[in-house]
N, C-alpha and C. Protein backbone atom coordinates (compact mmCIF):
# COMPACT_ATOMS: atom_id res chain seq x y z
N MET A 1 0.81 -1.20 0.00
CA MET A 1 0.00 0.00 0.00
C MET A 1 0.85 1.26 0.00
N LYS A 2 2.04 1.17 0.53
CA LYS A 2 2.90 2.35 0.58
C LYS A 2 3.25 2.83 -0.83
N PHE A 3 3.45 1.90 -1.78
CA PHE A 3 3.79 2.26 -3.15
C PHE A 3 2.64 3.03 -3.79
N ILE A 4 1.43 2.57 -3.57
CA ILE A 4 0.26 3.23 -4.17
C ILE A 4 0.09 4.63 -3.59
N LYS A 5 0.30 4.77 -2.32
CA LYS A 5 0.14 6.07 -1.67
C LYS A 5 1.09 7.10 -2.26
N HIS A 6 2.31 6.73 -2.53
CA HIS A 6 3.30 7.69 -3.02
C HIS A 6 3.28 7.86 -4.53
N SER A 7 2.65 6.95 -5.25
CA SER A 7 2.64 7.07 -6.70
C SER A 7 1.48 7.93 -7.22
N LEU A 8 0.47 8.17 -6.40
CA LEU A 8 -0.66 8.99 -6.83
C LEU A 8 -0.30 10.48 -6.71
N PRO A 9 -0.72 11.29 -7.69
CA PRO A 9 -0.42 12.72 -7.60
C PRO A 9 -1.20 13.35 -6.45
N ARG A 10 -0.57 14.33 -5.82
CA ARG A 10 -1.21 15.03 -4.71
C ARG A 10 -1.55 16.45 -5.14
N ILE A 11 -2.66 16.94 -4.65
CA ILE A 11 -3.05 18.32 -4.91
C ILE A 11 -2.05 19.20 -4.16
N ASN A 12 -1.63 20.26 -4.82
CA ASN A 12 -0.61 21.14 -4.26
C ASN A 12 -1.19 22.07 -3.19
N GLY A 13 -1.41 21.59 -2.02
CA GLY A 13 -1.81 22.39 -0.87
C GLY A 13 -3.04 23.25 -1.12
N ARG A 14 -3.02 24.45 -0.55
CA ARG A 14 -4.16 25.35 -0.67
C ARG A 14 -4.30 25.90 -2.08
N ARG A 15 -3.19 26.12 -2.75
CA ARG A 15 -3.27 26.62 -4.14
C ARG A 15 -3.96 25.59 -5.02
N GLY A 16 -3.60 24.34 -4.88
CA GLY A 16 -4.24 23.28 -5.65
C GLY A 16 -5.70 23.11 -5.29
N ALA A 17 -6.01 23.23 -3.99
CA ALA A 17 -7.41 23.13 -3.56
C ALA A 17 -8.23 24.27 -4.15
N PHE A 18 -7.65 25.46 -4.22
CA PHE A 18 -8.33 26.61 -4.83
C PHE A 18 -8.57 26.35 -6.31
N GLN A 19 -7.59 25.80 -6.99
CA GLN A 19 -7.75 25.50 -8.41
C GLN A 19 -8.82 24.43 -8.63
N LEU A 20 -8.87 23.44 -7.76
CA LEU A 20 -9.92 22.42 -7.84
C LEU A 20 -11.29 23.05 -7.65
N LEU A 21 -11.44 23.86 -6.63
CA LEU A 21 -12.72 24.50 -6.34
C LEU A 21 -13.17 25.41 -7.48
N PHE A 22 -12.29 26.28 -7.95
CA PHE A 22 -12.67 27.20 -9.01
C PHE A 22 -12.80 26.48 -10.35
N GLY A 23 -12.06 25.39 -10.54
CA GLY A 23 -12.25 24.58 -11.74
C GLY A 23 -13.66 23.99 -11.78
N ILE A 24 -14.16 23.55 -10.64
CA ILE A 24 -15.53 23.03 -10.56
C ILE A 24 -16.53 24.14 -10.84
N VAL A 25 -16.32 25.33 -10.25
CA VAL A 25 -17.23 26.46 -10.48
C VAL A 25 -17.24 26.85 -11.96
N TYR A 26 -16.07 26.95 -12.56
CA TYR A 26 -15.99 27.35 -13.96
C TYR A 26 -16.59 26.28 -14.87
N ALA A 27 -16.41 25.01 -14.54
CA ALA A 27 -17.02 23.94 -15.33
C ALA A 27 -18.55 24.01 -15.24
N CYS A 28 -19.07 24.33 -14.07
CA CYS A 28 -20.52 24.49 -13.92
C CYS A 28 -21.02 25.68 -14.73
N LEU A 29 -20.26 26.78 -14.74
CA LEU A 29 -20.64 27.93 -15.56
C LEU A 29 -20.63 27.57 -17.04
N ALA A 30 -19.63 26.82 -17.46
CA ALA A 30 -19.56 26.39 -18.87
C ALA A 30 -20.74 25.49 -19.22
N LEU A 31 -21.09 24.58 -18.34
CA LEU A 31 -22.23 23.71 -18.60
C LEU A 31 -23.54 24.49 -18.63
N ALA A 32 -23.68 25.47 -17.75
CA ALA A 32 -24.89 26.28 -17.74
C ALA A 32 -25.03 27.09 -19.02
N MET A 33 -23.91 27.54 -19.57
CA MET A 33 -23.95 28.34 -20.80
C MET A 33 -24.01 27.47 -22.06
N SER A 34 -23.87 26.16 -21.91
CA SER A 34 -23.87 25.29 -23.09
C SER A 34 -25.26 25.10 -23.69
N ARG A 35 -26.29 25.39 -22.93
CA ARG A 35 -27.65 25.21 -23.43
C ARG A 35 -28.13 26.40 -24.25
N LYS A 36 -27.87 27.59 -23.77
CA LYS A 36 -28.32 28.79 -24.48
C LYS A 36 -27.55 30.00 -23.96
N TRP A 37 -27.72 31.11 -24.62
CA TRP A 37 -27.07 32.36 -24.20
C TRP A 37 -27.69 32.85 -22.91
N PRO A 38 -26.87 33.38 -21.99
CA PRO A 38 -27.45 34.11 -20.86
C PRO A 38 -28.17 35.35 -21.39
N THR A 39 -29.23 35.74 -20.74
CA THR A 39 -30.05 36.87 -21.22
C THR A 39 -29.23 38.13 -21.41
N SER A 40 -28.32 38.40 -20.49
CA SER A 40 -27.52 39.62 -20.58
C SER A 40 -26.53 39.61 -21.73
N LEU A 41 -26.18 38.43 -22.21
CA LEU A 41 -25.20 38.34 -23.30
C LEU A 41 -25.83 37.84 -24.60
N GLU A 42 -27.15 37.83 -24.67
CA GLU A 42 -27.82 37.33 -25.86
C GLU A 42 -27.54 38.19 -27.09
N TRP A 43 -27.15 39.42 -26.89
CA TRP A 43 -26.81 40.30 -28.02
C TRP A 43 -25.62 39.76 -28.82
N LEU A 44 -24.81 38.91 -28.20
CA LEU A 44 -23.66 38.31 -28.89
C LEU A 44 -24.06 37.24 -29.91
N SER A 45 -25.29 36.77 -29.85
CA SER A 45 -25.71 35.69 -30.74
C SER A 45 -25.63 36.07 -32.21
N ALA A 46 -25.66 37.36 -32.51
CA ALA A 46 -25.54 37.80 -33.90
C ALA A 46 -24.10 37.72 -34.40
N TYR A 47 -23.15 37.60 -33.48
CA TYR A 47 -21.74 37.65 -33.86
C TYR A 47 -21.01 36.32 -33.74
N MET A 48 -21.47 35.44 -32.84
CA MET A 48 -20.77 34.17 -32.65
C MET A 48 -21.69 33.15 -31.99
N SER A 49 -21.24 31.92 -32.00
CA SER A 49 -21.97 30.84 -31.35
C SER A 49 -21.79 30.94 -29.83
N HIS A 50 -22.76 30.45 -29.08
CA HIS A 50 -22.63 30.49 -27.62
C HIS A 50 -21.57 29.52 -27.12
N TYR A 51 -21.10 28.64 -27.99
CA TYR A 51 -20.03 27.72 -27.59
C TYR A 51 -18.69 28.44 -27.40
N VAL A 52 -18.55 29.62 -27.97
CA VAL A 52 -17.36 30.41 -27.70
C VAL A 52 -17.34 30.83 -26.23
N LEU A 53 -18.50 31.22 -25.72
CA LEU A 53 -18.60 31.57 -24.30
C LEU A 53 -18.37 30.35 -23.42
N VAL A 54 -18.84 29.20 -23.86
CA VAL A 54 -18.59 27.95 -23.14
C VAL A 54 -17.09 27.69 -23.07
N ALA A 55 -16.39 27.89 -24.17
CA ALA A 55 -14.94 27.66 -24.20
C ALA A 55 -14.20 28.64 -23.30
N ILE A 56 -14.70 29.88 -23.20
CA ILE A 56 -14.06 30.87 -22.33
C ILE A 56 -14.03 30.37 -20.89
N TRP A 57 -15.04 29.60 -20.48
CA TRP A 57 -15.10 29.09 -19.10
C TRP A 57 -14.59 27.66 -18.99
N ALA A 58 -14.73 26.85 -20.03
CA ALA A 58 -14.33 25.44 -19.94
C ALA A 58 -12.82 25.26 -20.01
N VAL A 59 -12.14 26.04 -20.83
CA VAL A 59 -10.68 25.89 -20.96
C VAL A 59 -9.97 26.17 -19.63
N PRO A 60 -10.30 27.27 -18.92
CA PRO A 60 -9.65 27.46 -17.61
C PRO A 60 -9.98 26.35 -16.61
N ALA A 61 -11.19 25.80 -16.69
CA ALA A 61 -11.56 24.72 -15.78
C ALA A 61 -10.69 23.49 -16.03
N ILE A 62 -10.52 23.13 -17.29
CA ILE A 62 -9.70 21.95 -17.63
C ILE A 62 -8.24 22.18 -17.23
N VAL A 63 -7.72 23.35 -17.52
CA VAL A 63 -6.32 23.66 -17.16
C VAL A 63 -6.15 23.66 -15.64
N ALA A 64 -7.16 24.15 -14.91
CA ALA A 64 -7.08 24.15 -13.43
C ALA A 64 -7.03 22.72 -12.90
N PHE A 65 -7.81 21.82 -13.51
CA PHE A 65 -7.80 20.42 -13.06
C PHE A 65 -6.45 19.76 -13.30
N VAL A 66 -5.72 20.19 -14.31
CA VAL A 66 -4.39 19.64 -14.58
C VAL A 66 -3.35 20.29 -13.68
N CYS A 67 -3.41 21.61 -13.56
CA CYS A 67 -2.37 22.36 -12.84
C CYS A 67 -2.49 22.29 -11.33
N MET A 68 -3.58 21.76 -10.80
CA MET A 68 -3.73 21.72 -9.34
C MET A 68 -2.72 20.76 -8.71
N PHE A 69 -2.08 19.92 -9.51
CA PHE A 69 -1.07 19.00 -8.99
C PHE A 69 0.35 19.57 -9.10
N LEU A 70 0.51 20.66 -9.83
CA LEU A 70 1.84 21.20 -10.10
C LEU A 70 2.30 22.16 -9.01
N PRO A 71 3.59 22.19 -8.74
CA PRO A 71 4.11 23.15 -7.76
C PRO A 71 4.16 24.56 -8.34
N ARG A 72 4.26 25.51 -7.44
CA ARG A 72 4.44 26.88 -7.87
C ARG A 72 5.83 27.04 -8.42
N PRO A 73 6.12 27.68 -9.47
CA PRO A 73 5.35 28.55 -10.36
C PRO A 73 4.81 27.84 -11.60
N LYS A 74 4.87 26.51 -11.64
CA LYS A 74 4.40 25.79 -12.82
C LYS A 74 2.88 25.83 -12.98
N ASP A 75 2.17 26.29 -11.95
CA ASP A 75 0.71 26.40 -12.03
C ASP A 75 0.26 27.79 -12.47
N ALA A 76 1.17 28.60 -12.95
CA ALA A 76 0.85 29.99 -13.29
C ALA A 76 -0.17 30.09 -14.43
N LEU A 77 -0.10 29.21 -15.42
CA LEU A 77 -1.04 29.27 -16.53
C LEU A 77 -2.48 29.10 -16.04
N SER A 78 -2.66 28.23 -15.06
CA SER A 78 -4.00 28.03 -14.51
C SER A 78 -4.54 29.32 -13.91
N PHE A 79 -3.73 29.99 -13.11
CA PHE A 79 -4.18 31.22 -12.48
C PHE A 79 -4.41 32.32 -13.51
N GLN A 80 -3.61 32.35 -14.55
CA GLN A 80 -3.81 33.35 -15.60
C GLN A 80 -5.14 33.13 -16.31
N LEU A 81 -5.45 31.90 -16.64
CA LEU A 81 -6.71 31.61 -17.31
C LEU A 81 -7.91 31.77 -16.37
N LEU A 82 -7.74 31.39 -15.10
CA LEU A 82 -8.82 31.57 -14.13
C LEU A 82 -9.11 33.05 -13.90
N THR A 83 -8.13 33.91 -14.13
CA THR A 83 -8.34 35.35 -14.02
C THR A 83 -8.92 35.92 -15.31
N ALA A 84 -8.47 35.43 -16.45
CA ALA A 84 -8.88 35.99 -17.74
C ALA A 84 -10.35 35.76 -18.05
N ALA A 85 -10.90 34.61 -17.70
CA ALA A 85 -12.29 34.29 -18.05
C ALA A 85 -13.28 35.28 -17.45
N PRO A 86 -13.24 35.55 -16.15
CA PRO A 86 -14.22 36.51 -15.61
C PRO A 86 -13.94 37.95 -16.05
N ILE A 87 -12.68 38.30 -16.26
CA ILE A 87 -12.39 39.65 -16.72
C ILE A 87 -12.94 39.85 -18.13
N LEU A 88 -12.76 38.85 -18.99
CA LEU A 88 -13.31 38.92 -20.34
C LEU A 88 -14.83 38.98 -20.32
N SER A 89 -15.44 38.18 -19.47
CA SER A 89 -16.91 38.21 -19.36
C SER A 89 -17.39 39.56 -18.85
N GLY A 90 -16.67 40.15 -17.91
CA GLY A 90 -17.03 41.50 -17.44
C GLY A 90 -16.94 42.52 -18.54
N CYS A 91 -15.93 42.38 -19.40
CA CYS A 91 -15.80 43.29 -20.55
C CYS A 91 -16.98 43.12 -21.51
N LEU A 92 -17.44 41.88 -21.69
CA LEU A 92 -18.61 41.65 -22.53
C LEU A 92 -19.86 42.30 -21.94
N PHE A 93 -19.96 42.33 -20.61
CA PHE A 93 -21.08 43.01 -19.97
C PHE A 93 -21.00 44.52 -20.20
N ILE A 94 -19.80 45.08 -20.19
CA ILE A 94 -19.65 46.51 -20.47
C ILE A 94 -20.07 46.83 -21.91
N ILE A 95 -19.62 46.00 -22.84
CA ILE A 95 -20.02 46.20 -24.24
C ILE A 95 -21.53 46.03 -24.36
N GLY A 96 -22.09 45.06 -23.66
CA GLY A 96 -23.53 44.84 -23.67
C GLY A 96 -24.33 46.00 -23.11
N ALA A 97 -23.72 46.75 -22.19
CA ALA A 97 -24.41 47.92 -21.64
C ALA A 97 -24.66 48.96 -22.71
N PHE A 98 -23.80 49.00 -23.74
CA PHE A 98 -23.99 49.91 -24.85
C PHE A 98 -24.81 49.27 -25.98
N ALA A 99 -24.59 47.97 -26.22
CA ALA A 99 -25.26 47.28 -27.32
C ALA A 99 -26.71 46.94 -27.00
N ALA A 100 -26.98 46.52 -25.79
CA ALA A 100 -28.34 46.15 -25.38
C ALA A 100 -28.58 46.57 -23.94
N PRO A 101 -28.72 47.87 -23.69
CA PRO A 101 -28.83 48.34 -22.30
C PRO A 101 -30.09 47.87 -21.58
N GLU A 102 -31.12 47.48 -22.32
CA GLU A 102 -32.37 47.06 -21.67
C GLU A 102 -32.28 45.69 -21.01
N VAL A 103 -31.32 44.86 -21.43
CA VAL A 103 -31.22 43.51 -20.86
C VAL A 103 -29.91 43.27 -20.11
N THR A 104 -28.97 44.16 -20.22
CA THR A 104 -27.66 43.95 -19.60
C THR A 104 -27.61 44.59 -18.21
N SER A 105 -27.18 43.82 -17.25
CA SER A 105 -27.09 44.30 -15.88
C SER A 105 -25.67 44.78 -15.56
N PRO A 106 -25.54 45.94 -14.93
CA PRO A 106 -24.20 46.39 -14.54
C PRO A 106 -23.59 45.53 -13.43
N TYR A 107 -24.42 44.77 -12.74
CA TYR A 107 -23.90 43.92 -11.67
C TYR A 107 -23.05 42.79 -12.20
N GLY A 108 -23.25 42.42 -13.45
CA GLY A 108 -22.42 41.38 -14.05
C GLY A 108 -20.95 41.79 -14.09
N VAL A 109 -20.70 43.06 -14.38
CA VAL A 109 -19.32 43.57 -14.40
C VAL A 109 -18.71 43.46 -13.01
N ILE A 110 -19.46 43.88 -12.01
CA ILE A 110 -18.95 43.87 -10.64
C ILE A 110 -18.66 42.44 -10.18
N VAL A 111 -19.61 41.54 -10.42
CA VAL A 111 -19.45 40.15 -9.95
C VAL A 111 -18.29 39.47 -10.66
N TYR A 112 -18.23 39.58 -11.99
CA TYR A 112 -17.18 38.90 -12.74
C TYR A 112 -15.80 39.49 -12.44
N TRP A 113 -15.71 40.81 -12.38
CA TRP A 113 -14.40 41.39 -12.09
C TRP A 113 -13.96 41.11 -10.65
N ALA A 114 -14.89 41.04 -9.72
CA ALA A 114 -14.52 40.66 -8.34
C ALA A 114 -14.05 39.21 -8.30
N LEU A 115 -14.67 38.36 -9.10
CA LEU A 115 -14.23 36.96 -9.19
C LEU A 115 -12.81 36.89 -9.74
N GLY A 116 -12.52 37.66 -10.78
CA GLY A 116 -11.16 37.70 -11.33
C GLY A 116 -10.16 38.26 -10.33
N ALA A 117 -10.57 39.26 -9.57
CA ALA A 117 -9.69 39.84 -8.55
C ALA A 117 -9.40 38.83 -7.44
N ALA A 118 -10.38 38.03 -7.08
CA ALA A 118 -10.16 37.02 -6.04
C ALA A 118 -9.12 36.01 -6.49
N VAL A 119 -9.16 35.62 -7.75
CA VAL A 119 -8.16 34.69 -8.28
C VAL A 119 -6.78 35.35 -8.26
N MET A 120 -6.72 36.62 -8.61
CA MET A 120 -5.42 37.33 -8.61
C MET A 120 -4.83 37.39 -7.21
N VAL A 121 -5.67 37.60 -6.21
CA VAL A 121 -5.18 37.65 -4.83
C VAL A 121 -4.63 36.30 -4.40
N VAL A 122 -5.36 35.24 -4.68
CA VAL A 122 -4.92 33.90 -4.28
C VAL A 122 -3.67 33.48 -5.03
N SER A 123 -3.52 33.93 -6.27
CA SER A 123 -2.34 33.52 -7.05
C SER A 123 -1.04 34.00 -6.41
N GLY A 124 -1.09 35.04 -5.63
CA GLY A 124 0.11 35.54 -4.97
C GLY A 124 0.36 34.94 -3.60
N MET A 125 -0.54 34.12 -3.12
CA MET A 125 -0.41 33.54 -1.78
C MET A 125 0.39 32.24 -1.82
N THR A 126 1.02 31.94 -0.71
CA THR A 126 1.71 30.68 -0.52
C THR A 126 1.36 30.15 0.86
N GLY A 127 0.94 28.91 0.93
CA GLY A 127 0.62 28.29 2.21
C GLY A 127 1.74 27.39 2.68
N ASP A 128 1.63 26.93 3.91
CA ASP A 128 2.65 26.06 4.49
C ASP A 128 2.75 24.72 3.77
N SER A 129 1.62 24.23 3.26
CA SER A 129 1.61 22.91 2.63
C SER A 129 1.81 22.98 1.11
N ASP A 130 1.98 24.16 0.55
CA ASP A 130 2.16 24.30 -0.89
C ASP A 130 3.59 23.97 -1.30
N ARG A 131 3.73 23.21 -2.38
CA ARG A 131 5.05 22.93 -2.93
C ARG A 131 5.46 24.12 -3.78
N ASP A 132 6.68 24.56 -3.60
CA ASP A 132 7.18 25.74 -4.31
C ASP A 132 8.58 25.44 -4.80
N GLU A 133 8.79 25.53 -6.11
CA GLU A 133 10.10 25.23 -6.68
C GLU A 133 10.93 26.48 -6.93
N ARG A 134 10.43 27.62 -6.50
CA ARG A 134 11.19 28.85 -6.74
C ARG A 134 12.37 28.92 -5.77
N LYS A 135 13.44 29.51 -6.23
CA LYS A 135 14.59 29.74 -5.38
C LYS A 135 14.49 31.15 -4.82
N VAL A 136 14.47 31.26 -3.52
CA VAL A 136 14.34 32.55 -2.88
C VAL A 136 15.73 33.06 -2.52
N LYS A 137 16.04 34.25 -2.96
CA LYS A 137 17.31 34.85 -2.65
C LYS A 137 17.15 35.75 -1.43
N VAL A 138 18.00 35.52 -0.44
CA VAL A 138 17.93 36.30 0.78
C VAL A 138 18.70 37.60 0.56
N TRP A 139 18.06 38.70 0.83
CA TRP A 139 18.65 40.00 0.64
C TRP A 139 19.59 40.31 1.79
N THR A 140 20.78 40.78 1.47
CA THR A 140 21.74 41.20 2.50
C THR A 140 22.23 42.59 2.15
N ALA A 141 22.49 43.36 3.16
CA ALA A 141 22.98 44.73 2.96
C ALA A 141 24.42 44.68 2.46
N GLY A 142 24.76 45.60 1.59
CA GLY A 142 26.15 45.70 1.19
C GLY A 142 26.34 45.35 -0.19
């Protein structure tokens, strides 16, 4: 049993747990958008398929599920994509405020950009149980 225990990949501490959690949330958002356009973003249907919006949320979810096992800084792509998806969606809400102001809510910008900001904050954190391959140089005077 000892061989099996050590051969399975381990989630990288709190950073990996965060990637797992947000990967699940983003996958749920992608699945919810796979059926039809959200009302606030329905104006985009004239320009592209709603599967583009699904990809905006599904790709970061898949990358997060892969990168949650990697040590820092090798998990950076996951955090970049987890930040980019809500920021891009917030930008679409801003464009929608001009394109279709009657159906677009300004709260979408606030919620999505706050979600992106939360990912940015966590990406800079390091916990005691997180694996980190960076070499830290100790600063000395002189």
